[in-house]
Protein backbone atom coordinates (compact mmCIF):
# COMPACT_ATOMS: atom_id res chain seq x y z
CA MET A 1 0.00 0.00 0.00
CA TYR A 2 2.85 2.39 0.63
CA SER A 3 5.31 3.70 -1.89
CA ASP A 4 8.96 2.75 -1.50
CA PHE A 5 10.22 4.70 1.51
CA ALA A 6 13.44 2.73 1.79
CA ASN A 7 15.30 4.90 -0.72
CA HIS A 8 14.29 8.15 0.99
CA GLU A 9 15.16 9.84 4.21
CA ALA A 10 11.81 10.54 5.80
CA ARG A 11 10.05 10.69 9.09
CA SER A 12 8.57 7.45 10.33
CA ILE A 13 4.99 6.73 9.34
CA PRO A 14 2.60 7.82 12.13
CA ARG A 15 0.99 4.89 13.90
CA GLU A 16 -2.54 5.90 12.92
CA LEU A 17 -1.71 5.55 9.22
CA ASN A 18 -0.99 1.84 9.66
CA SER A 19 -4.71 1.19 10.07
CA SER A 20 -6.64 -0.54 7.31
CA VAL A 21 -8.45 1.41 4.61
CA PRO A 22 -10.90 3.06 4.86
CA ARG A 23 -9.39 4.79 7.86
CA LYS A 24 -11.43 6.29 10.64
CA VAL A 25 -11.23 10.07 10.58
CA CYS A 26 -12.56 12.94 12.64
CA VAL A 27 -13.04 16.59 11.77
CA SER A 28 -10.35 18.97 13.05
CA ARG A 29 -11.05 22.38 14.56
CA ASN A 30 -10.38 24.07 11.24
CA GLY A 31 -12.67 21.58 9.50
CA ILE A 32 -15.45 22.29 11.98
CA THR A 33 -15.08 26.01 11.29
CA LEU A 34 -15.36 25.42 7.55
CA TRP A 35 -18.40 23.14 7.91
CA LEU A 36 -20.13 25.73 10.09
CA THR A 37 -19.30 28.44 7.56
CA ALA A 38 -20.76 26.37 4.73
CA VAL A 39 -23.94 25.66 6.70
CA LEU A 40 -24.42 29.28 7.78
CA LEU A 41 -23.96 30.48 4.20
CA MET A 42 -26.72 28.13 3.10
CA VAL A 43 -29.18 28.08 6.00
CA TRP A 44 -30.74 31.53 5.41
CA ILE A 45 -31.64 30.83 1.80
CA PRO A 46 -34.82 28.74 2.39
CA PHE A 47 -36.20 31.40 4.74
CA VAL A 48 -35.58 34.20 2.24
CA ALA A 49 -37.05 32.09 -0.57
CA VAL A 50 -40.23 31.57 1.48
CA TRP A 51 -40.36 35.31 2.25
CA ILE A 52 -40.12 36.17 -1.45
CA CYS A 53 -42.87 33.63 -2.27
CA LEU A 54 -45.13 35.25 0.32
CA LYS A 55 -44.44 38.69 -1.18
CA VAL A 56 -45.34 37.38 -4.64
CA GLN A 57 -48.58 35.93 -3.26
CA ASP A 58 -49.38 39.31 -1.67
CA ARG A 59 -48.90 41.05 -5.02
CA ILE A 60 -51.15 38.52 -6.75
CA ALA A 61 -53.83 39.02 -4.08
CA LEU A 62 -53.54 42.82 -4.42
CA GLY A 63 -54.09 42.63 -8.15
CA ARG A 64 -57.08 40.32 -7.75
CA ASP A 65 -58.85 41.60 -4.61
CA GLY A 66 -57.27 44.99 -3.89
CA ARG A 67 -59.16 48.25 -3.50
CA ILE A 68 -57.90 51.72 -4.33
CA VAL A 69 -57.76 54.74 -2.03
CA ALA A 70 -55.99 58.11 -2.13
CA GLY A 71 -52.66 58.28 -0.31
CA LEU A 72 -50.25 61.05 0.68
CA ILE A 73 -46.49 61.01 0.12
CA THR A 74 -44.75 61.84 3.42
CA MET A 75 -41.10 61.22 2.49
CA ILE A 76 -38.88 60.75 -0.56
CA TRP A 77 -35.29 59.49 -0.40
CA THR A 78 -32.60 58.16 -2.70
CA THR A 79 -30.54 55.01 -2.17
CA ARG A 80 -27.04 54.29 -3.47
CA ALA A 81 -28.26 52.32 -6.51
CA PRO A 82 -29.46 55.11 -7.16
CA ASN A 83 -33.16 54.42 -6.70
CA GLU A 84 -35.84 56.75 -5.38
CA TRP A 85 -38.21 55.56 -2.68
CA VAL A 86 -41.34 57.05 -1.16
CA LYS A 87 -43.10 56.61 2.13
CA TYR A 88 -46.82 57.27 2.06
CA THR A 89 -49.88 57.18 4.30
CA PHE A 90 -53.51 56.36 3.58
CA THR A 91 -56.69 55.90 5.60
CA VAL A 92 -58.99 52.88 5.71
CA ASP A 93 -62.10 52.92 7.92
CA GLY A 94 -60.69 55.81 9.96
CA VAL A 95 -57.36 54.06 10.56
CA THR A 96 -54.20 55.64 9.14
CA LEU A 97 -51.73 53.18 7.65
CA SER A 98 -48.40 53.62 5.89
CA GLY A 99 -46.28 51.95 3.27
CA LYS A 100 -43.17 52.44 1.19
CA ALA A 101 -42.25 51.61 -2.37
CA GLN A 102 -39.60 52.20 -5.02
CA ILE A 103 -40.53 54.92 -7.52
CA PRO A 104 -40.78 53.67 -11.13
CA LYS A 105 -38.15 55.00 -13.52
CA GLU A 106 -40.72 57.02 -15.49
CA LEU A 107 -41.72 58.92 -12.32
CA LYS A 108 -38.23 59.59 -10.92
CA GLY A 109 -37.76 63.28 -10.13
CA ARG A 110 -41.42 64.09 -10.76
CA LEU A 111 -42.88 63.41 -7.31
CA ARG A 112 -42.75 65.68 -4.29
CA GLU A 113 -43.61 65.28 -0.63
CA SER A 114 -47.32 66.00 0.03
CA ASP A 115 -48.25 64.79 -3.48
CA THR A 116 -51.26 62.52 -3.70
CA ILE A 117 -50.95 59.02 -5.13
CA LEU A 118 -53.39 56.13 -5.51
CA VAL A 119 -52.76 53.21 -3.18
CA ARG A 120 -54.06 49.70 -3.71
CA PHE A 121 -54.65 47.76 -0.48
CA LEU A 122 -56.03 44.39 0.51
CA PRO A 123 -59.30 44.81 2.45
CA ALA A 124 -58.66 41.69 4.51
CA ASN A 125 -55.27 43.08 5.54
CA PRO A 126 -54.61 46.75 4.64
CA GLU A 127 -50.99 46.34 5.80
CA ILE A 128 -50.53 44.70 2.41
CA ASN A 129 -50.52 47.63 0.02
CA HIS A 130 -48.68 49.22 -2.90
CA PRO A 131 -49.05 52.34 -5.05
CA ASP A 132 -51.60 51.51 -7.74
CA GLY A 133 -50.21 51.18 -11.24
CA TRP A 134 -46.57 51.29 -10.17
CA GLU A 135 -44.50 48.64 -11.87
CA TRP A 136 -43.54 45.71 -9.68
CA SER A 137 -42.04 42.37 -10.54
CA VAL A 138 -40.03 39.59 -8.99
CA TYR A 139 -36.93 41.30 -10.47
CA SER A 140 -37.25 43.82 -7.65
CA TYR A 141 -35.45 41.19 -5.60
CA SER A 142 -32.63 40.70 -8.12
CA ILE A 143 -29.94 41.70 -5.60
CA ILE A 144 -31.27 39.13 -3.14
CA PHE A 145 -31.34 36.49 -5.87
CA CYS A 146 -27.72 37.26 -6.75
CA LEU A 147 -26.68 36.95 -3.09
CA MET A 148 -28.51 33.63 -2.85
CA VAL A 149 -26.67 32.28 -5.90
CA ILE A 150 -23.26 33.54 -4.75
CA THR A 151 -23.55 32.24 -1.17
CA SER A 152 -24.91 28.91 -2.42
CA ALA A 153 -21.96 28.54 -4.78
CA ILE A 154 -19.46 29.36 -2.02
CA SER A 155 -21.15 26.98 0.42
CA ILE A 156 -21.23 24.12 -2.09
CA SER A 157 -17.59 24.72 -3.03
CA ILE A 158 -16.52 24.51 0.63
CA MET A 159 -18.51 21.30 1.12
CA VAL A 160 -17.02 19.71 -2.00
CA ILE A 161 -13.48 20.56 -0.85
CA LEU A 162 -14.14 19.10 2.61
CA LEU A 163 -15.74 15.92 1.28
CA ARG A 164 -12.90 15.37 -1.20
CA GLU A 165 -10.32 15.80 1.56
CA ARG A 166 -12.23 13.37 3.76
CA ARG A 167 -12.24 10.78 1.00
CA LEU A 168 -8.52 11.30 0.44
CA VAL A 169 -7.65 10.82 4.10
CA ARG A 170 -9.89 7.75 4.42
CA LYS A 171 -8.97 5.90 1.25
CA GLY A 172 -5.78 7.45 -0.10
CA VAL A 173 -2.35 5.85 -0.53
CA ILE A 174 0.58 7.11 1.53
CA THR A 175 3.78 8.11 -0.24
CA LEU A 176 6.75 10.38 0.26
CA GLY A 177 6.92 13.89 -1.16
CA VAL A 178 9.56 16.61 -1.34
CA VAL A 179 8.68 20.22 -0.53
CA THR A 180 9.37 22.64 -3.38
CA SER A 181 7.84 25.72 -1.76
CA CYS A 182 6.23 26.72 1.52
CA LYS A 183 4.49 30.04 2.00
CA GLN A 184 1.90 31.37 4.37
CA ASN A 185 -1.47 32.40 2.96
CA LYS A 186 -3.42 35.47 4.07
CA HIS A 187 -4.69 33.53 7.09
CA ALA A 188 -1.11 32.70 8.19
CA ILE A 189 -1.63 29.02 7.30
CA PRO A 190 1.34 27.27 5.62
CA ARG A 191 0.73 26.55 1.93
CA ILE A 192 2.98 23.73 0.77
CA GLU A 193 3.90 22.84 -2.80
CA TYR A 194 5.56 19.47 -3.32
CA GLU A 195 6.50 16.69 -5.71
CA PHE A 196 5.81 12.99 -5.18
CA SER A 197 5.86 9.66 -7.00
CA THR A 198 3.11 7.05 -7.07
CA GLU A 199 3.58 3.31 -6.56
CA ASP A 200 3.86 2.76 -10.31
CA GLY A 201 6.66 5.33 -10.62
CA ARG A 202 4.72 8.26 -12.07
CA SER A 203 5.65 11.73 -10.81
CA PHE A 204 3.16 14.39 -9.82
CA VAL A 205 3.12 17.82 -8.23
CA GLY A 206 0.69 18.90 -5.55
CA SER A 207 -0.12 21.67 -3.16
CA GLY A 208 -2.22 22.14 -0.08
CA ASP A 209 -2.64 23.87 3.23
CA SER A 210 -0.86 22.26 6.14
CA ILE A 211 -0.81 22.52 9.91
CA ILE A 212 3.00 22.48 9.89
CA THR A 213 5.64 24.61 8.18
CA GLU A 214 8.28 22.81 6.12
CA GLN A 215 11.44 24.12 4.45
CA LYS A 216 12.17 23.64 0.76
CA GLY A 217 13.69 20.19 0.19
CA ALA A 218 12.13 18.68 3.31
CA SER A 219 10.46 15.27 3.11
CA ILE A 220 6.77 15.07 3.85
CA LEU A 221 4.06 12.43 3.70
CA VAL A 222 1.48 12.77 0.95
CA ILE A 223 -1.89 11.04 0.59
CA TYR A 224 -3.19 10.54 -2.94
CA LEU A 225 -6.02 8.68 -4.63
CA PRO A 226 -4.65 5.80 -6.74
CA GLN A 227 -7.49 6.31 -9.26
CA ASN A 228 -6.57 9.99 -9.64
CA PRO A 229 -3.18 10.94 -8.14
CA ARG A 230 -3.78 14.60 -9.01
CA ARG A 231 -6.06 14.58 -6.01
CA ASN A 232 -3.63 14.64 -3.12
CA VAL A 233 -3.05 16.36 0.18
CA PRO A 234 -0.04 16.78 2.49
CA TYR A 235 -0.12 14.88 5.76
CA PRO A 236 -1.20 15.83 8.35
CA PRO A 237 -4.14 17.46 6.57
CA LEU A 238 -5.71 20.69 7.73
CA ASN A 239 -9.35 19.71 8.13
CA TYR A 240 -9.31 16.06 9.20
CA ALA A 241 -7.39 13.85 11.58
CA VAL A 242 -6.90 10.11 11.37
CA GLU A 243 -8.04 8.34 14.52
CA ALA A 244 -5.35 6.19 16.08
CA HIS A 245 -6.33 2.53 16.33
CA PRO A 246 -5.64 0.62 19.53
């Protein structure tokens, strides 16, 4: 299972690596941090998706069952986009309610505070309201959609990296590598580049984050997948630890 170590000067193989494959592994502190990050990046998305669906349902109900009443603009402001927004008030059955909405492009710069606008509200729940005739579509949430896509992609990428490393540590072959470069990344974690040979004599290069710092020319242990040696990681890995067998 191991490459030929006899012709190399290297550290002794750690006892835990002598266990049979697949090895038992546990998540390291850094791995736990990455898993939590991936989960937190993903966990808010279902809630926001439900919120958007409810907003869409409100708009559909307004168009179908809404009633129209006169409203009064009380405030106008501009966001960084830049988009103009208004806050307005209206009265239903003697009760004064308020709402806010983005001003359509064709009305930008034409509205003033104290202007009157028509407001469409839902009789069953007047808190659901919107200026009548103002354009609205699901694209109003385009920024949120973009954030959902970006965070999902980051979360999935982190999970894929972690699962690939776990598979490597559990089922990979141990061989000897030689460090060709060792630098610290922006998080002060050693980033090692190395060369190694597989059991059938093929040479490959690899790189990966490590929990130890090695000098150029130093010997290190490398774990690689025999089916695809380009998938490899220096040992000990950053996100997983091999459990020592009795």
